[in-house]
Amino acid sequence: MAVAVVLLGLAGCSDSKPAPATAPPATTAHPSPSPSPTPPPAPRGLPRGGRVLFPKYQLVAYVGLPGSPALGPLDKDLDAKAAKLETLSRAYAAGRTPQPVLELIAVVARGSRGKDGLYRGRLDDAKIEQYLAVARKHKMLLLLDIQPGRAKILPEVKRLERWLKEPDVGLAFDPEWAVGPTQVPGRVFGHTTGRELDSIAAYLSGLVTAHHLPEKAFVFHQLSTRIVSDEAALKAHPGVVTIKSVDGIGTREDKLKTWAKLTTNLPPAVHAGFKLFYTEDTRHGPLMTPTQVLSLKPRPELVVYE
């Protein structure tokens, strides 16, 4: 995924080495003094009924960050964007019930150290609650996306536990931006392991069990084989639906090649997802249509638009 520091055309957009990063606007890293909006009451199950995601539902997501239109549609005008996403999700139904998803970048990789030297900024609580309120108003899922920079991923996940305990909130992880202690996001590819992904899924499974939640979506984004090693270590966990979002950018032919590389040996515990970029993809030709996306094998059970 692209980063809120406007690292456009970098590692999130191709399989080539990313360029240096620049610092994000201060508003993404500092708490807002405004009071938090109160979301509507949480549903008891999934937003549109039941407690099991697949095969009933087809997930279709918009991604974004407040005030950063280059990072996807969810920068502002959330009710209008939700209406557009609702219409788009129906084009992907193909025998399933459409389930729109708002994927909010809650932790964003930075090109500068920040006060703690971890090269990441955190979205303030009030903004997360604002997006959750919109998701509930439109009976959508909310995914909280993490680009951890130099921070350890599991502590960043656990910091969001107050939302992850909700029945309609899932998690997304962008390991492309998970760098080592001497590395800078945007200058190198980040990396994770199947074991690390498994630890996240296990933690989420514990929340599902402890709070009697419906199935929870756990998405990890990947654009290259080098982003995730030993993927076979990622196992199934009760109550967690793990989805790999294939994020390659380029011509349709290039995207299909990336898809084939990253889904041919998909672990049994992992579902397939596919990402489309409104700007970057269309530099190489027309955006793939829902019919073309649904023709992929295996079927992408999550389709993300940035």
Protein backbone atom coordinates (compact mmCIF):
# COMPACT_ATOMS: atom_id res chain seq x y z
CA MET A 1 0.00 0.00 0.00
CA ALA A 2 1.02 3.57 -0.47
CA VAL A 3 1.89 5.57 2.64
CA ALA A 4 0.27 8.68 4.08
CA VAL A 5 3.58 10.44 3.74
CA VAL A 6 2.76 10.47 0.03
CA LEU A 7 5.29 7.83 -0.95
CA LEU A 8 3.51 7.47 -4.26
CA GLY A 9 4.99 5.33 -7.00
CA LEU A 10 7.26 3.62 -4.48
CA ALA A 11 7.28 0.12 -3.05
CA GLY A 12 3.51 0.03 -2.80
CA CYS A 13 3.21 0.67 -6.49
CA SER A 14 5.68 -1.65 -8.11
CA ASP A 15 8.07 -4.52 -7.52
CA SER A 16 11.07 -2.21 -7.82
CA LYS A 17 13.13 -0.59 -5.04
CA PRO A 18 11.25 2.35 -3.50
CA ALA A 19 12.53 5.90 -3.47
CA PRO A 20 13.34 7.97 -0.35
CA ALA A 21 10.41 9.02 1.81
CA THR A 22 9.30 12.43 2.97
CA ALA A 23 7.71 13.36 6.28
CA PRO A 24 3.91 13.21 6.66
CA PRO A 25 1.75 16.12 7.66
CA ALA A 26 1.78 16.65 11.41
CA THR A 27 -1.96 16.04 11.62
CA THR A 28 -1.48 12.30 11.11
CA ALA A 29 0.79 11.93 14.16
CA HIS A 30 -0.76 14.21 16.84
CA PRO A 31 -3.98 13.70 18.82
CA SER A 32 -6.93 15.89 17.97
CA PRO A 33 -8.34 18.08 20.75
CA SER A 34 -11.89 17.69 19.40
CA PRO A 35 -14.29 15.35 21.25
CA SER A 36 -14.75 11.86 19.89
CA PRO A 37 -18.02 11.15 18.06
CA THR A 38 -20.12 8.35 19.49
CA PRO A 39 -20.57 5.46 17.07
CA PRO A 40 -23.98 3.79 16.79
CA PRO A 41 -24.33 0.67 18.94
CA ALA A 42 -22.25 -2.30 17.83
CA PRO A 43 -24.06 -5.08 16.00
CA ARG A 44 -24.22 -8.44 17.76
CA GLY A 45 -22.94 -10.27 14.69
CA LEU A 46 -21.58 -9.15 11.34
CA PRO A 47 -23.00 -5.86 10.02
CA ARG A 48 -25.30 -7.58 7.51
CA GLY A 49 -26.15 -10.61 9.56
CA GLY A 50 -24.66 -13.90 10.65
CA ARG A 51 -21.31 -14.68 12.21
CA VAL A 52 -19.39 -16.27 9.31
CA LEU A 53 -17.80 -14.27 6.46
CA PHE A 54 -17.27 -16.84 3.71
CA PRO A 55 -18.77 -18.10 1.50
CA LYS A 56 -21.80 -15.89 2.22
CA TYR A 57 -20.12 -12.52 1.75
CA GLN A 58 -18.04 -10.87 -0.95
CA LEU A 59 -15.85 -8.14 0.57
CA VAL A 60 -15.15 -4.94 -1.40
CA ALA A 61 -13.10 -2.20 0.25
CA TYR A 62 -12.12 1.42 -0.13
CA VAL A 63 -8.84 2.35 1.55
CA GLY A 64 -7.64 5.73 2.72
CA LEU A 65 -6.47 8.23 5.32
CA PRO A 66 -8.11 11.51 6.38
CA GLY A 67 -6.83 14.44 4.33
CA SER A 68 -4.73 12.28 1.97
CA PRO A 69 -6.66 11.88 -1.32
CA ALA A 70 -3.66 10.33 -3.07
CA LEU A 71 -3.93 7.31 -0.76
CA GLY A 72 -7.42 6.27 -1.73
CA PRO A 73 -11.05 7.36 -1.63
CA LEU A 74 -11.48 7.50 2.16
CA ASP A 75 -9.94 10.93 2.66
CA LYS A 76 -13.18 12.90 3.20
CA ASP A 77 -16.90 12.99 2.31
CA LEU A 78 -17.28 9.60 3.95
CA ASP A 79 -21.04 9.22 3.53
CA ALA A 80 -20.79 9.97 -0.19
CA LYS A 81 -17.86 7.55 -0.54
CA ALA A 82 -19.82 4.90 1.35
CA ALA A 83 -22.69 5.27 -1.12
CA LYS A 84 -20.30 4.80 -4.06
CA LEU A 85 -18.73 1.79 -2.39
CA GLU A 86 -22.17 0.28 -1.84
CA THR A 87 -22.90 0.53 -5.56
CA LEU A 88 -19.49 -0.85 -6.49
CA SER A 89 -19.82 -3.80 -4.12
CA ARG A 90 -23.01 -4.91 -5.85
CA ALA A 91 -21.05 -5.33 -9.09
CA TYR A 92 -19.00 -8.00 -7.29
CA ALA A 93 -21.90 -9.97 -5.81
CA ALA A 94 -21.84 -12.88 -8.30
CA GLY A 95 -24.00 -15.10 -6.13
CA ARG A 96 -22.84 -13.70 -2.80
CA THR A 97 -24.03 -10.96 -0.47
CA PRO A 98 -21.99 -7.76 -0.94
CA GLN A 99 -20.21 -6.61 2.22
CA PRO A 100 -18.52 -3.22 1.80
CA VAL A 101 -15.43 -2.49 3.90
CA LEU A 102 -13.79 0.77 4.99
CA GLU A 103 -10.02 0.19 5.32
CA LEU A 104 -8.58 3.01 7.37
CA ILE A 105 -4.82 3.52 7.64
CA ALA A 106 -4.58 3.81 11.43
CA VAL A 107 -0.77 3.53 11.70
CA VAL A 108 1.21 5.05 8.86
CA ALA A 109 4.87 4.65 7.92
CA ARG A 110 6.89 7.86 7.86
CA GLY A 111 10.06 9.01 6.17
CA SER A 112 11.22 10.80 9.34
CA ARG A 113 12.08 9.44 12.79
CA GLY A 114 9.36 11.04 14.86
CA LYS A 115 9.71 11.60 18.61
CA ASP A 116 10.19 7.91 19.37
CA GLY A 117 12.43 7.17 16.38
CA LEU A 118 10.07 4.50 15.03
CA TYR A 119 9.27 6.10 11.65
CA ARG A 120 5.52 5.81 12.01
CA GLY A 121 2.60 8.00 12.96
CA ARG A 122 -0.65 6.99 14.63
CA LEU A 123 -4.09 8.26 13.74
CA ASP A 124 -5.83 9.81 16.73
CA ASP A 125 -8.68 8.00 18.45
CA ALA A 126 -11.34 10.52 17.44
CA LYS A 127 -10.69 9.85 13.74
CA ILE A 128 -10.91 6.08 14.18
CA GLU A 129 -14.21 6.49 16.01
CA GLN A 130 -15.48 8.78 13.25
CA TYR A 131 -14.80 6.12 10.63
CA LEU A 132 -16.36 3.43 12.82
CA ALA A 133 -19.51 5.53 13.16
CA VAL A 134 -19.76 5.84 9.35
CA ALA A 135 -19.14 2.12 8.90
CA ARG A 136 -21.96 1.30 11.33
CA LYS A 137 -24.32 3.81 9.79
CA HIS A 138 -23.95 2.00 6.44
CA LYS A 139 -23.62 -1.56 7.85
CA MET A 140 -20.04 -1.88 6.67
CA LEU A 141 -16.95 -3.50 8.18
CA LEU A 142 -14.06 -1.33 9.37
CA LEU A 143 -10.49 -2.57 8.82
CA LEU A 144 -7.68 -0.85 10.72
CA ASP A 145 -4.54 -0.92 8.60
CA ILE A 146 -1.05 -0.83 10.16
CA GLN A 147 2.16 0.30 8.43
CA PRO A 148 4.51 -0.05 11.42
CA GLY A 149 7.79 1.48 10.22
CA ARG A 150 10.42 0.40 12.76
CA ALA A 151 7.83 -0.44 15.42
CA LYS A 152 7.12 -4.06 16.30
CA ILE A 153 3.86 -5.13 14.72
CA LEU A 154 2.20 -7.02 17.59
CA PRO A 155 2.39 -4.11 20.10
CA GLU A 156 0.86 -1.86 17.41
CA VAL A 157 -1.96 -4.38 16.95
CA LYS A 158 -2.57 -4.68 20.70
CA ARG A 159 -2.73 -0.90 21.05
CA LEU A 160 -5.87 -1.05 18.88
CA GLU A 161 -7.52 -3.69 21.06
CA ARG A 162 -10.35 -1.40 22.19
CA TRP A 163 -11.59 -1.41 18.59
CA LEU A 164 -10.57 -4.95 17.69
CA LYS A 165 -12.85 -6.21 20.48
CA GLU A 166 -15.76 -4.87 18.43
CA PRO A 167 -17.68 -7.35 16.21
CA ASP A 168 -17.43 -5.22 13.06
CA VAL A 169 -13.74 -4.21 13.20
CA GLY A 170 -10.94 -6.20 11.54
CA LEU A 171 -7.23 -5.72 10.97
CA ALA A 172 -4.95 -5.16 7.98
CA PHE A 173 -1.13 -5.31 8.04
CA ASP A 174 1.16 -3.84 5.39
CA PRO A 175 4.53 -5.60 5.92
CA GLU A 176 6.06 -3.76 2.97
CA TRP A 177 6.45 -0.90 5.47
CA ALA A 178 7.70 -3.01 8.40
CA VAL A 179 11.44 -2.25 8.36
CA GLY A 180 14.42 -3.14 10.52
CA PRO A 181 15.99 -1.05 13.33
CA THR A 182 18.40 0.77 11.00
CA GLN A 183 16.15 1.02 7.92
CA VAL A 184 13.86 3.78 6.65
CA PRO A 185 10.42 3.06 5.15
CA GLY A 186 10.34 3.85 1.45
CA ARG A 187 14.07 3.27 0.95
CA VAL A 188 13.87 -0.50 1.33
CA PHE A 189 11.17 -3.13 1.22
CA GLY A 190 9.85 -4.16 4.59
CA HIS A 191 9.36 -7.79 5.49
CA THR A 192 7.47 -10.21 7.69
CA THR A 193 7.36 -13.96 8.26
CA GLY A 194 4.63 -16.57 8.35
CA ARG A 195 5.37 -17.02 12.04
CA GLU A 196 4.81 -13.32 12.74
CA LEU A 197 1.56 -13.33 10.77
CA ASP A 198 0.52 -16.42 12.70
CA SER A 199 1.14 -14.64 16.02
CA ILE A 200 -1.19 -11.83 14.93
CA ALA A 201 -3.90 -14.28 13.85
CA ALA A 202 -3.57 -16.14 17.16
CA TYR A 203 -3.97 -12.90 19.12
CA LEU A 204 -7.10 -11.97 17.12
CA SER A 205 -8.48 -15.47 17.66
CA GLY A 206 -8.09 -14.97 21.40
CA LEU A 207 -10.16 -11.78 21.21
CA VAL A 208 -12.87 -13.52 19.21
CA THR A 209 -13.10 -16.30 21.78
CA ALA A 210 -12.93 -14.07 24.85
CA HIS A 211 -15.59 -11.64 23.61
CA HIS A 212 -17.83 -14.10 21.71
CA LEU A 213 -17.31 -12.23 18.45
CA PRO A 214 -18.27 -13.22 14.90
CA GLU A 215 -15.48 -14.09 12.48
CA LYS A 216 -12.87 -11.37 12.23
CA ALA A 217 -11.06 -10.43 9.01
CA PHE A 218 -7.25 -10.29 9.09
CA VAL A 219 -5.74 -8.98 5.85
CA PHE A 220 -2.06 -8.83 4.96
CA HIS A 221 -0.95 -6.95 1.86
CA GLN A 222 1.76 -8.32 -0.41
CA LEU A 223 3.21 -7.14 -3.71
CA SER A 224 6.31 -9.34 -3.98
CA THR A 225 7.41 -12.80 -2.90
CA ARG A 226 10.22 -11.25 -0.83
CA ILE A 227 7.77 -9.42 1.45
CA VAL A 228 6.71 -12.60 3.30
CA SER A 229 8.99 -15.54 4.07
CA ASP A 230 7.99 -18.99 5.33
CA GLU A 231 4.34 -18.29 4.67
CA ALA A 232 3.53 -21.94 5.43
CA ALA A 233 3.96 -21.15 9.13
CA LEU A 234 0.69 -19.20 8.97
CA LYS A 235 -2.00 -21.57 10.26
CA ALA A 236 -5.76 -21.49 10.66
CA HIS A 237 -7.10 -19.98 13.90
CA PRO A 238 -10.68 -20.23 15.17
CA GLY A 239 -12.77 -17.17 14.38
CA VAL A 240 -10.15 -15.49 12.16
CA VAL A 241 -10.44 -15.25 8.38
CA THR A 242 -6.97 -14.52 6.99
CA ILE A 243 -6.79 -12.90 3.55
CA LYS A 244 -3.76 -12.13 1.39
CA SER A 245 -4.33 -8.97 -0.67
CA VAL A 246 -2.19 -9.13 -3.81
CA ASP A 247 -1.09 -5.54 -4.38
CA GLY A 248 1.01 -5.46 -7.56
CA ILE A 249 0.71 -2.48 -9.92
CA GLY A 250 1.27 -2.29 -13.66
CA THR A 251 -0.42 -3.43 -16.81
CA ARG A 252 -3.18 -5.98 -16.53
CA GLU A 253 -0.69 -8.61 -17.71
CA ASP A 254 1.78 -7.60 -14.99
CA LYS A 255 -0.92 -7.71 -12.33
CA LEU A 256 -1.95 -11.18 -13.46
CA LYS A 257 1.66 -12.38 -13.28
CA THR A 258 1.96 -11.05 -9.73
CA TRP A 259 -1.34 -12.70 -8.87
CA ALA A 260 -0.12 -16.05 -10.16
CA LYS A 261 3.17 -15.82 -8.24
CA LEU A 262 1.50 -14.95 -4.95
CA THR A 263 -1.49 -17.28 -5.04
CA THR A 264 -0.17 -20.47 -6.66
CA ASN A 265 0.98 -21.93 -3.33
CA LEU A 266 -1.51 -20.19 -1.09
CA PRO A 267 -1.57 -21.84 2.36
CA PRO A 268 -4.86 -23.64 3.14
CA ALA A 269 -5.60 -21.15 5.92
CA VAL A 270 -5.37 -18.11 3.62
CA HIS A 271 -8.06 -16.63 1.36
CA ALA A 272 -7.25 -14.59 -1.74
CA GLY A 273 -7.72 -10.84 -2.14
CA PHE A 274 -6.88 -8.43 -4.97
CA LYS A 275 -6.06 -4.72 -5.04
CA LEU A 276 -6.76 -2.11 -7.70
CA PHE A 277 -5.26 1.39 -7.83
CA TYR A 278 -7.42 4.13 -9.35
CA THR A 279 -4.41 6.27 -10.34
CA GLU A 280 -1.38 4.01 -10.65
CA ASP A 281 -3.10 1.17 -12.51
CA THR A 282 -4.71 3.48 -15.04
CA ARG A 283 -1.30 4.85 -16.03
CA HIS A 284 -0.78 1.47 -17.69
CA GLY A 285 -4.21 0.97 -19.23
CA PRO A 286 -7.89 0.66 -18.27
CA LEU A 287 -8.74 -0.37 -14.74
CA MET A 288 -9.73 -4.02 -14.52
CA THR A 289 -13.49 -4.52 -14.39
CA PRO A 290 -15.36 -6.52 -11.72
CA THR A 291 -15.98 -9.24 -14.31
CA GLN A 292 -12.25 -9.47 -15.06
CA VAL A 293 -11.34 -9.53 -11.37
CA LEU A 294 -13.89 -12.23 -10.56
CA SER A 295 -12.49 -14.37 -13.39
CA LEU A 296 -9.23 -14.78 -11.43
CA LYS A 297 -8.53 -18.17 -9.90
CA PRO A 298 -8.86 -18.55 -6.99
CA ARG A 299 -11.75 -16.12 -6.64
CA PRO A 300 -10.68 -12.92 -4.83
CA GLU A 301 -12.95 -12.85 -1.80
CA LEU A 302 -11.77 -9.35 -0.95
CA VAL A 303 -11.25 -6.63 -3.59
CA VAL A 304 -9.57 -3.42 -2.40
CA TYR A 305 -9.60 -0.07 -4.21
CA GLU A 306 -7.00 2.59 -3.45
